[in-house]
Amino acid sequence: MYYVYILQSINTPEHFYTGSTTNLNKRLEEHNSDKSTHTNKFKPWQIRTYITFDNKERAEKFETYLKISSGRAFMTKRF
């Protein structure tokens, strides 16, 4: 399974991060430790939502979509 996830900073709730992984719990642990330089500044993180895919390419395309302006608008309205 492939997961596209949206994290929300606990201390700074206006900050979000979107990513993808095959192991959601392990990836969250990495974001909340010093293993991820992109999210280190706003840790700790919590999972806001995630979507499961059975196809890696679809997961990657959806993650990319969420990172462009129309995808961010979609995310703001739905999540």
C-alpha atoms as a PDB file:
ATOM      1  CA  MET A   1       0.000   0.000   0.000  1.00  0.00           C
ATOM      2  CA  TYR A   2       1.058   3.572  -0.687  1.00  0.00           C
ATOM      3  CA  TYR A   3      -0.001   6.491   1.456  1.00  0.00           C
ATOM      4  CA  VAL A   4      -0.256  10.177   0.651  1.00  0.00           C
ATOM      5  CA  TYR A   5      -0.397  12.039   3.933  1.00  0.00           C
ATOM      6  CA  ILE A   6      -0.917  15.547   5.223  1.00  0.00           C
ATOM      7  CA  LEU A   7       0.779  16.508   8.453  1.00  0.00           C
ATOM      8  CA  GLN A   8      -0.085  19.466  10.640  1.00  0.00           C
ATOM      9  CA  SER A   9       2.335  21.049  13.073  1.00  0.00           C
ATOM     10  CA  ILE A  10       1.109  20.757  16.654  1.00  0.00           C
ATOM     11  CA  ASN A  11       2.931  23.885  17.873  1.00  0.00           C
ATOM     12  CA  THR A  12       2.318  25.917  14.715  1.00  0.00           C
ATOM     13  CA  PRO A  13      -1.045  24.663  13.390  1.00  0.00           C
ATOM     14  CA  GLU A  14      -0.996  26.873  10.279  1.00  0.00           C
ATOM     15  CA  HIS A  15       1.914  24.803   8.895  1.00  0.00           C
ATOM     16  CA  PHE A  16       1.187  21.680   6.874  1.00  0.00           C
ATOM     17  CA  TYR A  17       3.368  19.162   5.066  1.00  0.00           C
ATOM     18  CA  THR A  18       2.354  16.735   2.317  1.00  0.00           C
ATOM     19  CA  GLY A  19       4.277  13.571   1.508  1.00  0.00           C
ATOM     20  CA  SER A  20       4.013   9.934   0.522  1.00  0.00           C
ATOM     21  CA  THR A  21       5.317   6.678   1.969  1.00  0.00           C
ATOM     22  CA  THR A  22       4.725   2.962   2.273  1.00  0.00           C
ATOM     23  CA  ASN A  23       5.068   3.023   6.080  1.00  0.00           C
ATOM     24  CA  LEU A  24       3.011   5.812   7.617  1.00  0.00           C
ATOM     25  CA  ASN A  25       3.954   5.291  11.273  1.00  0.00           C
ATOM     26  CA  LYS A  26       7.680   5.094  10.543  1.00  0.00           C
ATOM     27  CA  ARG A  27       7.519   8.208   8.364  1.00  0.00           C
ATOM     28  CA  LEU A  28       5.731  10.180  11.102  1.00  0.00           C
ATOM     29  CA  GLU A  29       8.452   9.152  13.555  1.00  0.00           C
ATOM     30  CA  GLU A  30      11.073  10.396  11.094  1.00  0.00           C
ATOM     31  CA  HIS A  31       9.321  13.757  10.741  1.00  0.00           C
ATOM     32  CA  ASN A  32       9.184  14.112  14.521  1.00  0.00           C
ATOM     33  CA  SER A  33      12.885  13.298  14.935  1.00  0.00           C
ATOM     34  CA  ASP A  34      15.890  14.983  13.364  1.00  0.00           C
ATOM     35  CA  LYS A  35      15.797  12.736  10.274  1.00  0.00           C
ATOM     36  CA  SER A  36      13.789  15.122   8.088  1.00  0.00           C
ATOM     37  CA  THR A  37      15.362  18.529   7.475  1.00  0.00           C
ATOM     38  CA  HIS A  38      12.276  19.875   5.652  1.00  0.00           C
ATOM     39  CA  THR A  39       9.984  19.419   8.646  1.00  0.00           C
ATOM     40  CA  ASN A  40      12.408  19.774  11.536  1.00  0.00           C
ATOM     41  CA  LYS A  41      11.577  23.444  12.206  1.00  0.00           C
ATOM     42  CA  PHE A  42       7.880  22.897  12.901  1.00  0.00           C
ATOM     43  CA  LYS A  43       7.902  19.597  14.801  1.00  0.00           C
ATOM     44  CA  PRO A  44       6.131  17.883  16.453  1.00  0.00           C
ATOM     45  CA  TRP A  45       3.722  16.823  13.731  1.00  0.00           C
ATOM     46  CA  GLN A  46       0.428  14.985  13.750  1.00  0.00           C
ATOM     47  CA  ILE A  47      -1.294  13.233  10.877  1.00  0.00           C
ATOM     48  CA  ARG A  48      -4.132  15.411   9.652  1.00  0.00           C
ATOM     49  CA  THR A  49      -5.306  12.918   7.035  1.00  0.00           C
ATOM     50  CA  TYR A  50      -4.032  10.231   4.689  1.00  0.00           C
ATOM     51  CA  ILE A  51      -5.224   8.537   1.536  1.00  0.00           C
ATOM     52  CA  THR A  52      -4.360   4.942   0.661  1.00  0.00           C
ATOM     53  CA  PHE A  53      -3.451   3.847  -2.865  1.00  0.00           C
ATOM     54  CA  ASP A  54      -2.689   0.411  -4.230  1.00  0.00           C
ATOM     55  CA  ASN A  55      -0.671   1.918  -7.072  1.00  0.00           C
ATOM     56  CA  LYS A  56       2.598   3.837  -6.563  1.00  0.00           C
ATOM     57  CA  GLU A  57       2.179   6.001  -9.675  1.00  0.00           C
ATOM     58  CA  ARG A  58      -1.291   7.167  -8.625  1.00  0.00           C
ATOM     59  CA  ALA A  59      -0.016   8.011  -5.146  1.00  0.00           C
ATOM     60  CA  GLU A  60       2.871  10.031  -6.586  1.00  0.00           C
ATOM     61  CA  LYS A  61       0.571  11.888  -8.977  1.00  0.00           C
ATOM     62  CA  PHE A  62      -1.869  12.743  -6.187  1.00  0.00           C
ATOM     63  CA  GLU A  63       0.965  13.961  -3.945  1.00  0.00           C
ATOM     64  CA  THR A  64       2.228  16.173  -6.774  1.00  0.00           C
ATOM     65  CA  TYR A  65      -1.295  17.503  -7.338  1.00  0.00           C
ATOM     66  CA  LEU A  66      -1.668  18.444  -3.664  1.00  0.00           C
ATOM     67  CA  LYS A  67       1.538  20.483  -3.896  1.00  0.00           C
ATOM     68  CA  ILE A  68       0.361  22.763  -6.735  1.00  0.00           C
ATOM     69  CA  SER A  69      -2.017  25.697  -6.257  1.00  0.00           C
ATOM     70  CA  SER A  70      -5.219  23.929  -7.330  1.00  0.00           C
ATOM     71  CA  GLY A  71      -4.300  20.951  -5.141  1.00  0.00           C
ATOM     72  CA  ARG A  72      -3.676  23.208  -2.138  1.00  0.00           C
ATOM     73  CA  ALA A  73      -7.107  24.774  -2.710  1.00  0.00           C
ATOM     74  CA  PHE A  74      -8.637  21.270  -2.856  1.00  0.00           C
ATOM     75  CA  MET A  75      -6.836  20.327   0.358  1.00  0.00           C
ATOM     76  CA  THR A  76      -7.979  23.490   2.168  1.00  0.00           C
ATOM     77  CA  LYS A  77     -11.614  22.849   1.297  1.00  0.00           C
ATOM     78  CA  ARG A  78     -11.644  19.135   2.053  1.00  0.00           C
ATOM     79  CA  PHE A  79      -9.176  18.543   4.865  1.00  0.00           C
END
